[in-house]
């Protein structure tokens, strides 16, 4: 293995991501090449410094967490209210068709088609509302995971 090959795979080696065969070849080269060995030590020192920095990440203040939770709760409730209102509108579109059995068949078909058109028009709104609920749930799970709950 040449020094250029070692340079290419050194980061993966330091992270423990090389397959066993390539790792053996790289280690054999490192035993005989002081330049590549020095580069590996540099890389390991940089990785250790970065790992130490990660431990010093500031924690968000408790007030910010409370505010975030309050906003998430509000967003979930608003989104669920939107979905409920849309469901009621769609149901209301079909009520005349169910109630008006004395209407001629063509009128019932037209009522049905209007209800389907309304469903098609509201589908993107329902999809967006459900997407927002999914996003809020994911954020909430991330907050819980960060808190260690």
Protein backbone atom coordinates (compact mmCIF):
# COMPACT_ATOMS: atom_id res chain seq x y z
CA UNK A 1 0.00 0.00 0.00
CA UNK A 2 1.40 3.42 -0.92
CA UNK A 3 1.38 6.58 1.20
CA UNK A 4 -1.30 8.02 -1.12
CA UNK A 5 -3.52 4.99 -0.44
CA UNK A 6 -2.94 5.33 3.29
CA UNK A 7 -3.82 9.03 3.17
CA UNK A 8 -7.06 8.15 1.39
CA UNK A 9 -8.10 5.52 3.97
CA UNK A 10 -6.61 7.02 7.13
CA UNK A 11 -9.83 8.74 8.24
CA UNK A 12 -11.85 5.56 7.83
CA UNK A 13 -9.14 3.64 9.70
CA UNK A 14 -9.18 6.11 12.61
CA UNK A 15 -12.97 5.77 12.78
CA UNK A 16 -12.80 1.95 12.70
CA UNK A 17 -14.66 1.72 9.39
CA UNK A 18 -12.21 -0.30 7.26
CA UNK A 19 -12.76 -3.92 6.35
CA UNK A 20 -10.29 -6.35 8.00
CA UNK A 21 -8.18 -6.94 4.87
CA UNK A 22 -7.65 -3.27 4.11
CA UNK A 23 -7.05 -2.57 7.82
CA UNK A 24 -4.26 -5.19 7.91
CA UNK A 25 -2.63 -3.71 4.80
CA UNK A 26 -2.81 -0.19 6.23
CA UNK A 27 -1.39 -1.29 9.61
CA UNK A 28 1.49 -3.04 7.82
CA UNK A 29 2.27 0.20 5.98
CA UNK A 30 2.01 2.25 9.20
CA UNK A 31 4.56 -0.01 10.94
CA UNK A 32 7.13 0.86 8.27
CA UNK A 33 6.29 4.50 7.49
CA UNK A 34 6.97 7.16 10.14
CA UNK A 35 5.30 9.91 8.05
CA UNK A 36 1.97 8.09 7.80
CA UNK A 37 2.18 7.07 11.46
CA UNK A 38 2.65 10.72 12.41
CA UNK A 39 -0.35 11.68 10.26
CA UNK A 40 -2.44 9.02 12.03
CA UNK A 41 -1.43 10.40 15.45
CA UNK A 42 -2.41 13.90 14.26
CA UNK A 43 -5.78 12.64 13.10
CA UNK A 44 -6.40 10.78 16.37
CA UNK A 45 -5.50 13.92 18.36
CA UNK A 46 -7.93 15.96 16.27
CA UNK A 47 -10.67 13.38 16.80
CA UNK A 48 -10.01 13.41 20.56
CA UNK A 49 -10.16 17.22 20.62
CA UNK A 50 -13.45 17.22 18.71
CA UNK A 51 -14.89 14.57 21.03
CA UNK A 52 -13.91 16.72 24.04
CA UNK A 53 -15.64 19.73 22.48
CA UNK A 54 -18.85 17.78 21.96
CA UNK A 55 -19.08 17.20 25.70
CA UNK A 56 -19.06 20.97 26.31
CA UNK A 57 -22.26 21.72 24.41
CA UNK A 58 -24.38 24.25 26.25
CA UNK A 59 -27.76 23.06 27.50
CA UNK A 60 -30.80 25.13 26.59
CA UNK A 61 -32.38 27.01 29.50
CA UNK A 62 -35.37 25.44 31.20
CA UNK A 63 -37.58 28.40 30.21
CA UNK A 64 -36.81 27.73 26.55
CA UNK A 65 -37.79 24.07 26.96
CA UNK A 66 -41.05 25.03 28.68
CA UNK A 67 -41.82 27.54 25.92
CA UNK A 68 -41.06 24.94 23.24
CA UNK A 69 -43.33 22.39 24.92
CA UNK A 70 -46.13 24.96 25.23
CA UNK A 71 -45.80 25.86 21.55
CA UNK A 72 -45.74 22.22 20.52
CA UNK A 73 -48.85 21.47 22.57
CA UNK A 74 -50.62 24.46 20.98
CA UNK A 75 -49.56 23.43 17.48
CA UNK A 76 -50.81 19.86 18.02
CA UNK A 77 -54.17 21.10 19.30
CA UNK A 78 -54.58 23.56 16.42
CA UNK A 79 -53.68 20.91 13.87
CA UNK A 80 -56.08 18.39 15.39
CA UNK A 81 -58.80 21.06 15.41
CA UNK A 82 -58.16 21.70 11.70
CA UNK A 83 -58.43 18.01 10.90
CA UNK A 84 -61.66 17.76 12.91
CA UNK A 85 -63.17 20.78 11.13
CA UNK A 86 -62.20 19.37 7.73
CA UNK A 87 -63.72 16.02 8.64
CA UNK A 88 -66.96 17.76 9.65
CA UNK A 89 -67.04 19.73 6.38
CA UNK A 90 -66.55 16.55 4.37
CA UNK A 91 -69.24 14.75 6.38
CA UNK A 92 -71.60 17.70 5.88
CA UNK A 93 -71.09 17.43 2.12
CA UNK A 94 -72.45 13.90 2.15
CA UNK A 95 -75.41 14.54 4.49
CA UNK A 96 -77.78 15.84 1.77
CA UNK A 97 -77.18 12.72 -0.28
CA UNK A 98 -78.05 10.46 2.65
CA UNK A 99 -81.02 12.49 3.88
CA UNK A 100 -82.60 13.30 0.50
CA UNK A 101 -83.64 9.82 -0.59
CA UNK A 102 -86.64 11.22 -2.40
CA UNK A 103 -84.39 13.10 -4.82
CA UNK A 104 -84.09 11.73 -8.33
CA UNK A 105 -81.11 9.48 -8.98
CA UNK A 106 -79.31 12.15 -11.01
CA UNK A 107 -79.50 14.65 -8.15
CA UNK A 108 -78.14 12.03 -5.73
CA UNK A 109 -75.28 11.31 -8.12
CA UNK A 110 -74.54 15.02 -8.37
CA UNK A 111 -74.56 15.35 -4.58
CA UNK A 112 -72.17 12.42 -4.38
CA UNK A 113 -69.87 13.89 -7.01
CA UNK A 114 -69.88 17.25 -5.23
CA UNK A 115 -68.92 15.51 -2.01
CA UNK A 116 -66.10 13.68 -3.77
CA UNK A 117 -64.92 16.94 -5.33
CA UNK A 118 -64.91 18.53 -1.90
CA UNK A 119 -62.89 15.60 -0.53
CA UNK A 120 -60.41 15.98 -3.38
CA UNK A 121 -60.14 19.72 -2.74
CA UNK A 122 -59.61 19.24 0.99
CA UNK A 123 -57.21 16.29 0.70
CA UNK A 124 -54.08 18.47 0.48
CA UNK A 125 -55.18 20.39 3.57
CA UNK A 126 -55.76 17.17 5.50
CA UNK A 127 -52.39 15.84 4.28
CA UNK A 128 -50.63 19.02 5.45
CA UNK A 129 -52.34 18.88 8.83
CA UNK A 130 -51.34 15.25 9.32
CA UNK A 131 -47.79 16.08 8.18
CA UNK A 132 -47.63 18.83 10.83
CA UNK A 133 -48.81 16.39 13.49
CA UNK A 134 -46.08 13.96 12.43
CA UNK A 135 -43.44 16.70 12.62
CA UNK A 136 -44.62 17.84 16.02
CA UNK A 137 -44.57 14.27 17.32
CA UNK A 138 -41.00 13.81 16.05
CA UNK A 139 -39.87 17.06 17.68
CA UNK A 140 -41.57 16.11 20.91
CA UNK A 141 -39.86 12.71 20.92
CA UNK A 142 -36.51 14.42 20.30
CA UNK A 143 -37.11 16.77 23.24
CA UNK A 144 -38.03 13.82 25.48
CA UNK A 145 -34.95 11.91 24.34
CA UNK A 146 -32.74 14.91 25.10
CA UNK A 147 -34.23 15.16 28.58
CA UNK A 148 -33.60 11.47 29.12
CA UNK A 149 -37.25 10.66 29.82
